[in-house]
């Protein structure tokens, strides 16, 4: 696929049916096999394909798809031990299963039960309450600025991690988007360097611009057996693929740059200094998301002028770069 010999297909779309075949082979009850195959074929796999058509499938999305199938299988086996079937299970059974399983397991089972109710394979009165999420505590602004000041200069940290950490800390990007830019998204405009993560491209401050350009000239994972002509800014080890965001997350945590917590701190700081529409377009967020976060941070901008804000303010640089 990377060489154009085969049509490009998301690798996780290819791997899921293979994994499913092995999973079904391990299920002893033929009725359970039939039920799980229907669930995977008509609910899980179509959603994976829809996701692949819209953007791309991340490792976490692929894992969640498998977890849905595995928890549905475990649920059917659990019902069997109670001498109950899917057709006869009641809300009492659902509540008992919930009490024995984690919040993640409950979330994974919801799609299976919804399909079972829609297809009349179980009672339509059963339900699993929506998962209650606990917001992740963001880094403080001082912690974010400390990490931003340390990463560009720390020669002991691999360069690709320094670049990824800076993008997450400075531009409030989730790691699933940190790995998506290509070298073509780094734009030279005279002496200025811009990074296209939204519209328009965001300016990169001088110290970080030098790090970014040096990284492009010396990218790793560019061997002849993997990515000899890769355009990814952060090439992965697999041909034609960028760095895996889950692997990148673990590495950034080890060097003291937790991307998820840093992203919350970064975007909230931008929203205290600029209107939500400007932040949304420059950083690639939906304006509803930035508006909600602005309200949570206590920002107002109630007198912000209406009109076309497709261009960010002249000379705008995300806070934490040493420029004002």
C-alpha atoms as a PDB file:
ATOM      1  CA  UNK A   1       0.000   0.000   0.000  1.00  0.00           C
ATOM      2  CA  UNK A   2       2.805   2.417   0.872  1.00  0.00           C
ATOM      3  CA  UNK A   3       4.347   1.856  -2.570  1.00  0.00           C
ATOM      4  CA  UNK A   4       1.043   2.152  -4.450  1.00  0.00           C
ATOM      5  CA  UNK A   5       0.958  -1.506  -5.549  1.00  0.00           C
ATOM      6  CA  UNK A   6      -2.249  -2.099  -3.572  1.00  0.00           C
ATOM      7  CA  UNK A   7      -5.116   0.280  -2.941  1.00  0.00           C
ATOM      8  CA  UNK A   8      -4.801   2.044   0.403  1.00  0.00           C
ATOM      9  CA  UNK A   9      -6.944   0.530   3.166  1.00  0.00           C
ATOM     10  CA  UNK A  10      -6.781   1.436   6.845  1.00  0.00           C
ATOM     11  CA  UNK A  11      -4.626  -1.223   8.494  1.00  0.00           C
ATOM     12  CA  UNK A  12      -7.017  -1.493  11.440  1.00  0.00           C
ATOM     13  CA  UNK A  13      -9.899  -2.314   9.085  1.00  0.00           C
ATOM     14  CA  UNK A  14      -7.733  -5.172   7.798  1.00  0.00           C
ATOM     15  CA  UNK A  15      -6.701  -6.412  11.249  1.00  0.00           C
ATOM     16  CA  UNK A  16     -10.116  -6.401  12.931  1.00  0.00           C
ATOM     17  CA  UNK A  17     -11.734  -9.231  10.859  1.00  0.00           C
ATOM     18  CA  UNK A  18      -8.625 -11.368  11.362  1.00  0.00           C
ATOM     19  CA  UNK A  19      -8.777 -10.801  15.106  1.00  0.00           C
ATOM     20  CA  UNK A  20     -12.544 -11.465  15.122  1.00  0.00           C
ATOM     21  CA  UNK A  21     -12.090 -14.819  13.367  1.00  0.00           C
ATOM     22  CA  UNK A  22      -9.734 -16.004  16.099  1.00  0.00           C
ATOM     23  CA  UNK A  23     -11.979 -14.643  18.841  1.00  0.00           C
ATOM     24  CA  UNK A  24     -15.041 -16.469  17.500  1.00  0.00           C
ATOM     25  CA  UNK A  25     -13.064 -19.703  17.244  1.00  0.00           C
ATOM     26  CA  UNK A  26     -12.489 -19.608  21.010  1.00  0.00           C
ATOM     27  CA  UNK A  27     -16.214 -19.350  21.877  1.00  0.00           C
ATOM     28  CA  UNK A  28     -17.719 -22.738  22.705  1.00  0.00           C
ATOM     29  CA  UNK A  29     -21.456 -21.992  22.553  1.00  0.00           C
ATOM     30  CA  UNK A  30     -22.660 -21.927  18.888  1.00  0.00           C
ATOM     31  CA  UNK A  31     -25.500 -19.517  19.750  1.00  0.00           C
ATOM     32  CA  UNK A  32     -23.031 -17.124  21.328  1.00  0.00           C
ATOM     33  CA  UNK A  33     -20.860 -17.320  18.209  1.00  0.00           C
ATOM     34  CA  UNK A  34     -23.849 -16.412  16.053  1.00  0.00           C
ATOM     35  CA  UNK A  35     -24.858 -13.501  18.288  1.00  0.00           C
ATOM     36  CA  UNK A  36     -21.337 -12.047  18.534  1.00  0.00           C
ATOM     37  CA  UNK A  37     -20.769 -12.397  14.785  1.00  0.00           C
ATOM     38  CA  UNK A  38     -23.978 -10.449  14.108  1.00  0.00           C
ATOM     39  CA  UNK A  39     -22.954  -7.736  16.566  1.00  0.00           C
ATOM     40  CA  UNK A  40     -19.466  -7.385  15.092  1.00  0.00           C
ATOM     41  CA  UNK A  41     -20.707  -7.484  11.495  1.00  0.00           C
ATOM     42  CA  UNK A  42     -23.641  -5.097  11.791  1.00  0.00           C
ATOM     43  CA  UNK A  43     -22.501  -2.660  14.468  1.00  0.00           C
ATOM     44  CA  UNK A  44     -18.788  -2.695  15.289  1.00  0.00           C
ATOM     45  CA  UNK A  45     -17.218  -3.110  11.835  1.00  0.00           C
ATOM     46  CA  UNK A  46     -19.530  -0.594  10.057  1.00  0.00           C
ATOM     47  CA  UNK A  47     -18.618   2.040  12.627  1.00  0.00           C
ATOM     48  CA  UNK A  48     -14.929   1.359  12.120  1.00  0.00           C
ATOM     49  CA  UNK A  49     -15.366   1.756   8.360  1.00  0.00           C
ATOM     50  CA  UNK A  50     -17.342   4.958   8.812  1.00  0.00           C
ATOM     51  CA  UNK A  51     -14.596   6.347  11.035  1.00  0.00           C
ATOM     52  CA  UNK A  52     -11.940   5.411   8.468  1.00  0.00           C
ATOM     53  CA  UNK A  53     -13.874   7.213   5.710  1.00  0.00           C
ATOM     54  CA  UNK A  54     -14.171  10.393   7.779  1.00  0.00           C
ATOM     55  CA  UNK A  55     -10.606  10.597   9.072  1.00  0.00           C
ATOM     56  CA  UNK A  56      -8.453   7.734  10.337  1.00  0.00           C
ATOM     57  CA  UNK A  57      -8.616   5.015  12.954  1.00  0.00           C
ATOM     58  CA  UNK A  58      -6.352   5.409  15.966  1.00  0.00           C
ATOM     59  CA  UNK A  59      -5.047   2.492  18.054  1.00  0.00           C
ATOM     60  CA  UNK A  60      -7.427   3.440  20.883  1.00  0.00           C
ATOM     61  CA  UNK A  61     -10.434   3.283  18.516  1.00  0.00           C
ATOM     62  CA  UNK A  62      -9.349  -0.169  17.325  1.00  0.00           C
ATOM     63  CA  UNK A  63      -8.885  -1.375  20.915  1.00  0.00           C
ATOM     64  CA  UNK A  64     -12.321  -0.097  21.897  1.00  0.00           C
ATOM     65  CA  UNK A  65     -13.896  -2.005  18.982  1.00  0.00           C
ATOM     66  CA  UNK A  66     -12.275  -5.238  20.189  1.00  0.00           C
ATOM     67  CA  UNK A  67     -13.245  -4.478  23.794  1.00  0.00           C
ATOM     68  CA  UNK A  68     -16.889  -4.122  22.756  1.00  0.00           C
ATOM     69  CA  UNK A  69     -16.809  -7.615  21.249  1.00  0.00           C
ATOM     70  CA  UNK A  70     -14.933  -9.118  24.196  1.00  0.00           C
ATOM     71  CA  UNK A  71     -17.279  -7.623  26.807  1.00  0.00           C
ATOM     72  CA  UNK A  72     -20.331  -8.718  24.819  1.00  0.00           C
ATOM     73  CA  UNK A  73     -18.911 -12.246  24.787  1.00  0.00           C
ATOM     74  CA  UNK A  74     -18.162 -12.153  28.504  1.00  0.00           C
ATOM     75  CA  UNK A  75     -21.678 -10.886  29.189  1.00  0.00           C
ATOM     76  CA  UNK A  76     -23.277 -13.795  27.308  1.00  0.00           C
ATOM     77  CA  UNK A  77     -21.069 -16.277  29.170  1.00  0.00           C
ATOM     78  CA  UNK A  78     -21.923 -14.578  32.477  1.00  0.00           C
ATOM     79  CA  UNK A  79     -25.646 -14.912  31.699  1.00  0.00           C
ATOM     80  CA  UNK A  80     -25.124 -18.612  30.945  1.00  0.00           C
ATOM     81  CA  UNK A  81     -23.626 -19.179  34.394  1.00  0.00           C
ATOM     82  CA  UNK A  82     -26.791 -17.649  35.865  1.00  0.00           C
ATOM     83  CA  UNK A  83     -28.934 -19.973  33.759  1.00  0.00           C
ATOM     84  CA  UNK A  84     -30.206 -16.935  31.865  1.00  0.00           C
ATOM     85  CA  UNK A  85     -30.194 -16.058  28.170  1.00  0.00           C
ATOM     86  CA  UNK A  86     -30.014 -12.744  26.379  1.00  0.00           C
ATOM     87  CA  UNK A  87     -33.708 -13.009  25.514  1.00  0.00           C
ATOM     88  CA  UNK A  88     -34.777 -13.555  29.128  1.00  0.00           C
ATOM     89  CA  UNK A  89     -32.362 -11.259  30.976  1.00  0.00           C
ATOM     90  CA  UNK A  90     -33.922  -8.407  32.914  1.00  0.00           C
ATOM     91  CA  UNK A  91     -32.766  -5.116  34.385  1.00  0.00           C
ATOM     92  CA  UNK A  92     -31.894  -7.013  37.568  1.00  0.00           C
ATOM     93  CA  UNK A  93     -29.370  -9.067  35.592  1.00  0.00           C
ATOM     94  CA  UNK A  94     -27.953  -5.938  33.945  1.00  0.00           C
ATOM     95  CA  UNK A  95     -27.538  -4.203  37.308  1.00  0.00           C
ATOM     96  CA  UNK A  96     -25.854  -7.273  38.793  1.00  0.00           C
ATOM     97  CA  UNK A  97     -23.413  -7.406  35.870  1.00  0.00           C
ATOM     98  CA  UNK A  98     -22.697  -3.670  36.229  1.00  0.00           C
ATOM     99  CA  UNK A  99     -21.858  -4.151  39.906  1.00  0.00           C
ATOM    100  CA  UNK A 100     -19.190  -6.712  38.997  1.00  0.00           C
ATOM    101  CA  UNK A 101     -17.550  -4.783  36.135  1.00  0.00           C
ATOM    102  CA  UNK A 102     -15.608  -1.599  35.610  1.00  0.00           C
ATOM    103  CA  UNK A 103     -16.939   1.608  34.099  1.00  0.00           C
ATOM    104  CA  UNK A 104     -15.067   0.780  30.892  1.00  0.00           C
ATOM    105  CA  UNK A 105     -16.812  -2.592  30.673  1.00  0.00           C
ATOM    106  CA  UNK A 106     -20.205  -0.983  31.124  1.00  0.00           C
ATOM    107  CA  UNK A 107     -19.467   1.492  28.363  1.00  0.00           C
ATOM    108  CA  UNK A 108     -18.327  -1.266  26.012  1.00  0.00           C
ATOM    109  CA  UNK A 109     -21.522  -3.273  26.559  1.00  0.00           C
ATOM    110  CA  UNK A 110     -23.933  -0.418  25.777  1.00  0.00           C
ATOM    111  CA  UNK A 111     -23.712  -0.768  21.964  1.00  0.00           C
ATOM    112  CA  UNK A 112     -24.309  -4.528  22.202  1.00  0.00           C
ATOM    113  CA  UNK A 113     -27.426  -4.110  24.331  1.00  0.00           C
ATOM    114  CA  UNK A 114     -28.755  -1.338  22.077  1.00  0.00           C
ATOM    115  CA  UNK A 115     -28.453  -3.585  19.029  1.00  0.00           C
ATOM    116  CA  UNK A 116     -29.989  -6.519  20.901  1.00  0.00           C
ATOM    117  CA  UNK A 117     -32.996  -4.380  21.846  1.00  0.00           C
ATOM    118  CA  UNK A 118     -33.384  -2.981  18.335  1.00  0.00           C
ATOM    119  CA  UNK A 119     -33.298  -6.480  16.832  1.00  0.00           C
ATOM    120  CA  UNK A 120     -35.633  -7.829  19.573  1.00  0.00           C
ATOM    121  CA  UNK A 121     -33.043 -10.269  20.881  1.00  0.00           C
ATOM    122  CA  UNK A 122     -33.598  -8.958  24.402  1.00  0.00           C
ATOM    123  CA  UNK A 123     -36.172  -6.951  26.291  1.00  0.00           C
ATOM    124  CA  UNK A 124     -36.473  -3.336  25.199  1.00  0.00           C
ATOM    125  CA  UNK A 125     -36.755  -2.144  28.795  1.00  0.00           C
ATOM    126  CA  UNK A 126     -33.147  -2.840  29.866  1.00  0.00           C
ATOM    127  CA  UNK A 127     -30.528  -0.108  29.883  1.00  0.00           C
ATOM    128  CA  UNK A 128     -27.069   0.858  31.094  1.00  0.00           C
ATOM    129  CA  UNK A 129     -26.746   4.424  32.447  1.00  0.00           C
ATOM    130  CA  UNK A 130     -24.338   6.727  30.617  1.00  0.00           C
ATOM    131  CA  UNK A 131     -20.766   6.768  31.855  1.00  0.00           C
ATOM    132  CA  UNK A 132     -19.845   9.534  34.272  1.00  0.00           C
ATOM    133  CA  UNK A 133     -16.587  11.124  33.220  1.00  0.00           C
ATOM    134  CA  UNK A 134     -14.166  12.830  35.552  1.00  0.00           C
ATOM    135  CA  UNK A 135     -12.297  15.698  33.846  1.00  0.00           C
ATOM    136  CA  UNK A 136      -8.531  15.246  33.798  1.00  0.00           C
ATOM    137  CA  UNK A 137      -6.757  17.863  35.900  1.00  0.00           C
ATOM    138  CA  UNK A 138      -4.708  20.105  33.569  1.00  0.00           C
ATOM    139  CA  UNK A 139      -1.163  21.190  34.223  1.00  0.00           C
ATOM    140  CA  UNK A 140      -0.784  24.546  35.877  1.00  0.00           C
ATOM    141  CA  UNK A 141       0.427  27.337  33.631  1.00  0.00           C
ATOM    142  CA  UNK A 142       3.766  27.370  35.463  1.00  0.00           C
ATOM    143  CA  UNK A 143       4.222  23.628  34.858  1.00  0.00           C
ATOM    144  CA  UNK A 144       3.399  24.025  31.160  1.00  0.00           C
ATOM    145  CA  UNK A 145       5.828  26.916  30.734  1.00  0.00           C
ATOM    146  CA  UNK A 146       8.529  24.997  32.606  1.00  0.00           C
ATOM    147  CA  UNK A 147       8.168  22.050  30.229  1.00  0.00           C
ATOM    148  CA  UNK A 148       8.135  24.357  27.202  1.00  0.00           C
ATOM    149  CA  UNK A 149      11.348  25.960  28.361  1.00  0.00           C
ATOM    150  CA  UNK A 150      13.035  22.615  29.022  1.00  0.00           C
ATOM    151  CA  UNK A 151      12.144  20.555  25.939  1.00  0.00           C
ATOM    152  CA  UNK A 152      13.848  22.614  23.189  1.00  0.00           C
ATOM    153  CA  UNK A 153      17.164  22.724  25.027  1.00  0.00           C
ATOM    154  CA  UNK A 154      17.389  19.250  26.595  1.00  0.00           C
ATOM    155  CA  UNK A 155      19.777  17.352  24.324  1.00  0.00           C
ATOM    156  CA  UNK A 156      19.282  14.114  26.274  1.00  0.00           C
ATOM    157  CA  UNK A 157      15.664  13.836  25.079  1.00  0.00           C
ATOM    158  CA  UNK A 158      15.271  12.389  21.558  1.00  0.00           C
ATOM    159  CA  UNK A 159      14.499  15.127  19.075  1.00  0.00           C
ATOM    160  CA  UNK A 160      11.203  13.645  17.845  1.00  0.00           C
ATOM    161  CA  UNK A 161       9.888  13.638  21.428  1.00  0.00           C
ATOM    162  CA  UNK A 162      10.951  17.235  21.924  1.00  0.00           C
ATOM    163  CA  UNK A 163       9.135  18.260  18.742  1.00  0.00           C
ATOM    164  CA  UNK A 164       5.990  16.304  19.628  1.00  0.00           C
ATOM    165  CA  UNK A 165       5.988  17.672  23.170  1.00  0.00           C
ATOM    166  CA  UNK A 166       6.354  21.254  21.981  1.00  0.00           C
ATOM    167  CA  UNK A 167       3.447  20.905  19.517  1.00  0.00           C
ATOM    168  CA  UNK A 168       1.210  19.485  22.250  1.00  0.00           C
ATOM    169  CA  UNK A 169       2.257  22.032  24.880  1.00  0.00           C
ATOM    170  CA  UNK A 170       2.231  25.071  22.621  1.00  0.00           C
ATOM    171  CA  UNK A 171      -0.676  24.467  20.260  1.00  0.00           C
ATOM    172  CA  UNK A 172      -3.001  22.433  22.544  1.00  0.00           C
ATOM    173  CA  UNK A 173      -3.089  19.457  20.176  1.00  0.00           C
ATOM    174  CA  UNK A 174      -4.154  15.910  21.134  1.00  0.00           C
ATOM    175  CA  UNK A 175      -1.566  13.318  20.200  1.00  0.00           C
ATOM    176  CA  UNK A 176      -3.867  11.846  17.553  1.00  0.00           C
ATOM    177  CA  UNK A 177      -3.383  15.161  15.714  1.00  0.00           C
ATOM    178  CA  UNK A 178       0.220  15.784  16.763  1.00  0.00           C
ATOM    179  CA  UNK A 179       1.258  12.794  14.624  1.00  0.00           C
ATOM    180  CA  UNK A 180      -0.735  13.824  11.530  1.00  0.00           C
ATOM    181  CA  UNK A 181       1.204  16.851  10.132  1.00  0.00           C
ATOM    182  CA  UNK A 182       3.604  16.250   7.274  1.00  0.00           C
ATOM    183  CA  UNK A 183       6.759  18.141   6.407  1.00  0.00           C
ATOM    184  CA  UNK A 184       4.623  20.037   3.880  1.00  0.00           C
ATOM    185  CA  UNK A 185       2.667  21.503   6.799  1.00  0.00           C
ATOM    186  CA  UNK A 186       5.810  23.327   7.924  1.00  0.00           C
ATOM    187  CA  UNK A 187       5.722  26.488   5.828  1.00  0.00           C
ATOM    188  CA  UNK A 188       8.599  28.913   5.224  1.00  0.00           C
ATOM    189  CA  UNK A 189       7.461  32.512   4.759  1.00  0.00           C
ATOM    190  CA  UNK A 190      10.624  34.531   4.374  1.00  0.00           C
ATOM    191  CA  UNK A 191      12.420  34.279   7.700  1.00  0.00           C
ATOM    192  CA  UNK A 192       9.255  33.113   9.451  1.00  0.00           C
ATOM    193  CA  UNK A 193       8.293  29.462  10.006  1.00  0.00           C
ATOM    194  CA  UNK A 194       4.624  28.466  10.201  1.00  0.00           C
ATOM    195  CA  UNK A 195       2.983  25.195  11.226  1.00  0.00           C
ATOM    196  CA  UNK A 196      -0.321  24.323   9.573  1.00  0.00           C
ATOM    197  CA  UNK A 197      -2.517  22.731  12.224  1.00  0.00           C
ATOM    198  CA  UNK A 198      -5.553  24.893  11.512  1.00  0.00           C
ATOM    199  CA  UNK A 199      -6.379  27.847   9.292  1.00  0.00           C
ATOM    200  CA  UNK A 200      -4.389  29.976   8.935  1.00  0.00           C
ATOM    201  CA  UNK A 201      -1.065  28.329   9.726  1.00  0.00           C
ATOM    202  CA  UNK A 202       0.306  29.222  13.166  1.00  0.00           C
ATOM    203  CA  UNK A 203       3.654  31.004  13.579  1.00  0.00           C
ATOM    204  CA  UNK A 204       6.459  29.062  15.236  1.00  0.00           C
ATOM    205  CA  UNK A 205       8.693  31.148  17.563  1.00  0.00           C
ATOM    206  CA  UNK A 206      12.367  31.350  16.610  1.00  0.00           C
ATOM    207  CA  UNK A 207      13.869  28.893  19.158  1.00  0.00           C
ATOM    208  CA  UNK A 208      11.237  26.280  18.384  1.00  0.00           C
ATOM    209  CA  UNK A 209      11.422  26.929  14.646  1.00  0.00           C
ATOM    210  CA  UNK A 210      15.104  25.984  14.674  1.00  0.00           C
ATOM    211  CA  UNK A 211      14.284  22.750  16.516  1.00  0.00           C
ATOM    212  CA  UNK A 212      11.530  21.939  14.014  1.00  0.00           C
ATOM    213  CA  UNK A 213      13.723  22.541  10.966  1.00  0.00           C
ATOM    214  CA  UNK A 214      16.585  20.530  12.453  1.00  0.00           C
ATOM    215  CA  UNK A 215      14.205  17.659  13.128  1.00  0.00           C
ATOM    216  CA  UNK A 216      12.930  17.674   9.525  1.00  0.00           C
ATOM    217  CA  UNK A 217      16.488  17.399   8.274  1.00  0.00           C
ATOM    218  CA  UNK A 218      17.251  14.472  10.601  1.00  0.00           C
ATOM    219  CA  UNK A 219      13.996  12.546  11.013  1.00  0.00           C
ATOM    220  CA  UNK A 220      14.183   9.010  12.403  1.00  0.00           C
ATOM    221  CA  UNK A 221      12.509   5.851  11.022  1.00  0.00           C
ATOM    222  CA  UNK A 222      13.496   6.800   7.471  1.00  0.00           C
ATOM    223  CA  UNK A 223      15.340   3.594   6.591  1.00  0.00           C
ATOM    224  CA  UNK A 224      14.987   1.948   3.201  1.00  0.00           C
ATOM    225  CA  UNK A 225      12.885  -0.851   4.734  1.00  0.00           C
ATOM    226  CA  UNK A 226      10.289   1.436   6.304  1.00  0.00           C
ATOM    227  CA  UNK A 227       9.761   5.034   5.227  1.00  0.00           C
ATOM    228  CA  UNK A 228      12.460   6.072   2.750  1.00  0.00           C
ATOM    229  CA  UNK A 229      10.286   8.790   1.212  1.00  0.00           C
ATOM    230  CA  UNK A 230       7.915   9.483   4.101  1.00  0.00           C
ATOM    231  CA  UNK A 231       6.355  12.954   4.305  1.00  0.00           C
ATOM    232  CA  UNK A 232       5.197  12.489   7.906  1.00  0.00           C
ATOM    233  CA  UNK A 233       6.677  14.982  10.336  1.00  0.00           C
ATOM    234  CA  UNK A 234       6.884  12.116  12.858  1.00  0.00           C
ATOM    235  CA  UNK A 235       7.354   8.928  10.793  1.00  0.00           C
ATOM    236  CA  UNK A 236       6.516   5.611  12.411  1.00  0.00           C
ATOM    237  CA  UNK A 237       8.259   2.288  12.072  1.00  0.00           C
ATOM    238  CA  UNK A 238       5.607   0.882   9.749  1.00  0.00           C
ATOM    239  CA  UNK A 239       5.772   1.799   6.075  1.00  0.00           C
ATOM    240  CA  UNK A 240       3.606   4.762   5.220  1.00  0.00           C
ATOM    241  CA  UNK A 241       2.434   5.268   8.824  1.00  0.00           C
ATOM    242  CA  UNK A 242       3.105   8.095  11.301  1.00  0.00           C
ATOM    243  CA  UNK A 243       4.209   7.548  14.884  1.00  0.00           C
ATOM    244  CA  UNK A 244       1.628   5.734  17.021  1.00  0.00           C
ATOM    245  CA  UNK A 245      -0.095   8.228  19.350  1.00  0.00           C
ATOM    246  CA  UNK A 246      -0.448   5.700  22.198  1.00  0.00           C
ATOM    247  CA  UNK A 247       3.285   4.907  22.077  1.00  0.00           C
ATOM    248  CA  UNK A 248       4.073   8.616  21.873  1.00  0.00           C
ATOM    249  CA  UNK A 249       1.891   9.303  24.931  1.00  0.00           C
ATOM    250  CA  UNK A 250       3.821   6.807  27.046  1.00  0.00           C
ATOM    251  CA  UNK A 251       7.169   8.273  25.969  1.00  0.00           C
ATOM    252  CA  UNK A 252       6.083  11.861  26.670  1.00  0.00           C
ATOM    253  CA  UNK A 253       4.858  10.886  30.121  1.00  0.00           C
ATOM    254  CA  UNK A 254       8.301   9.461  30.884  1.00  0.00           C
ATOM    255  CA  UNK A 255      10.029  12.747  30.050  1.00  0.00           C
ATOM    256  CA  UNK A 256       7.595  14.805  32.142  1.00  0.00           C
ATOM    257  CA  UNK A 257       5.420  16.203  29.343  1.00  0.00           C
ATOM    258  CA  UNK A 258       1.960  14.605  29.815  1.00  0.00           C
ATOM    259  CA  UNK A 259       0.218  15.617  26.613  1.00  0.00           C
ATOM    260  CA  UNK A 260      -3.413  15.310  27.756  1.00  0.00           C
ATOM    261  CA  UNK A 261      -2.924  17.437  30.859  1.00  0.00           C
ATOM    262  CA  UNK A 262      -0.763  19.937  28.960  1.00  0.00           C
ATOM    263  CA  UNK A 263      -3.344  20.350  26.211  1.00  0.00           C
ATOM    264  CA  UNK A 264      -5.978  21.497  28.685  1.00  0.00           C
ATOM    265  CA  UNK A 265      -3.632  24.069  30.192  1.00  0.00           C
ATOM    266  CA  UNK A 266      -2.539  25.365  26.782  1.00  0.00           C
ATOM    267  CA  UNK A 267      -5.960  25.921  25.246  1.00  0.00           C
ATOM    268  CA  UNK A 268      -7.361  27.538  28.384  1.00  0.00           C
ATOM    269  CA  UNK A 269      -4.493  30.011  28.412  1.00  0.00           C
ATOM    270  CA  UNK A 270      -5.118  30.894  24.764  1.00  0.00           C
ATOM    271  CA  UNK A 271      -8.815  31.451  25.490  1.00  0.00           C
ATOM    272  CA  UNK A 272      -7.970  33.883  28.283  1.00  0.00           C
ATOM    273  CA  UNK A 273      -5.988  35.967  25.788  1.00  0.00           C
ATOM    274  CA  UNK A 274      -7.964  35.633  22.536  1.00  0.00           C
ATOM    275  CA  UNK A 275     -11.579  35.182  21.391  1.00  0.00           C
ATOM    276  CA  UNK A 276     -12.861  31.624  21.028  1.00  0.00           C
ATOM    277  CA  UNK A 277     -13.415  31.881  17.210  1.00  0.00           C
ATOM    278  CA  UNK A 278      -9.774  32.848  16.627  1.00  0.00           C
ATOM    279  CA  UNK A 279      -8.475  30.011  18.816  1.00  0.00           C
ATOM    280  CA  UNK A 280     -10.834  27.508  17.167  1.00  0.00           C
ATOM    281  CA  UNK A 281      -9.683  28.234  13.624  1.00  0.00           C
ATOM    282  CA  UNK A 282      -5.986  28.610  14.411  1.00  0.00           C
ATOM    283  CA  UNK A 283      -5.754  25.398  16.458  1.00  0.00           C
ATOM    284  CA  UNK A 284      -8.217  23.261  14.489  1.00  0.00           C
ATOM    285  CA  UNK A 285     -10.965  23.058  17.128  1.00  0.00           C
ATOM    286  CA  UNK A 286     -14.726  23.319  16.711  1.00  0.00           C
ATOM    287  CA  UNK A 287     -15.972  26.741  17.810  1.00  0.00           C
ATOM    288  CA  UNK A 288     -18.491  25.114  20.177  1.00  0.00           C
ATOM    289  CA  UNK A 289     -15.625  23.411  21.992  1.00  0.00           C
ATOM    290  CA  UNK A 290     -13.634  26.603  22.434  1.00  0.00           C
ATOM    291  CA  UNK A 291     -16.752  28.526  23.482  1.00  0.00           C
ATOM    292  CA  UNK A 292     -17.512  25.938  26.172  1.00  0.00           C
ATOM    293  CA  UNK A 293     -13.920  25.973  27.422  1.00  0.00           C
ATOM    294  CA  UNK A 294     -13.917  29.776  27.386  1.00  0.00           C
ATOM    295  CA  UNK A 295     -16.977  29.807  29.619  1.00  0.00           C
ATOM    296  CA  UNK A 296     -15.349  27.299  31.978  1.00  0.00           C
ATOM    297  CA  UNK A 297     -12.232  29.452  32.280  1.00  0.00           C
ATOM    298  CA  UNK A 298     -14.288  32.556  33.028  1.00  0.00           C
ATOM    299  CA  UNK A 299     -13.413  34.360  29.800  1.00  0.00           C
ATOM    300  CA  UNK A 300     -15.968  36.719  28.361  1.00  0.00           C
ATOM    301  CA  UNK A 301     -15.019  38.550  25.131  1.00  0.00           C
ATOM    302  CA  UNK A 302     -18.662  39.635  25.068  1.00  0.00           C
ATOM    303  CA  UNK A 303     -17.779  42.730  23.019  1.00  0.00           C
ATOM    304  CA  UNK A 304     -15.748  40.885  20.423  1.00  0.00           C
ATOM    305  CA  UNK A 305     -16.511  42.381  17.012  1.00  0.00           C
ATOM    306  CA  UNK A 306     -18.505  40.336  14.546  1.00  0.00           C
ATOM    307  CA  UNK A 307     -17.253  39.655  11.032  1.00  0.00           C
ATOM    308  CA  UNK A 308     -14.748  37.468   9.214  1.00  0.00           C
ATOM    309  CA  UNK A 309     -12.130  36.114  11.607  1.00  0.00           C
ATOM    310  CA  UNK A 310     -10.581  33.574   9.244  1.00  0.00           C
ATOM    311  CA  UNK A 311      -7.183  35.170   9.772  1.00  0.00           C
ATOM    312  CA  UNK A 312      -5.517  35.163  13.173  1.00  0.00           C
ATOM    313  CA  UNK A 313      -4.211  38.504  14.498  1.00  0.00           C
ATOM    314  CA  UNK A 314      -1.026  39.744  12.879  1.00  0.00           C
ATOM    315  CA  UNK A 315       2.006  38.450  14.668  1.00  0.00           C
ATOM    316  CA  UNK A 316      -0.018  36.103  16.881  1.00  0.00           C
ATOM    317  CA  UNK A 317       2.107  33.587  18.694  1.00  0.00           C
ATOM    318  CA  UNK A 318       0.748  31.072  21.220  1.00  0.00           C
ATOM    319  CA  UNK A 319       1.624  32.013  24.768  1.00  0.00           C
ATOM    320  CA  UNK A 320       4.567  30.287  26.386  1.00  0.00           C
ATOM    321  CA  UNK A 321       7.042  30.859  23.585  1.00  0.00           C
ATOM    322  CA  UNK A 322       8.842  33.822  25.076  1.00  0.00           C
ATOM    323  CA  UNK A 323       7.150  36.310  22.714  1.00  0.00           C
ATOM    324  CA  UNK A 324       4.322  38.699  23.539  1.00  0.00           C
END
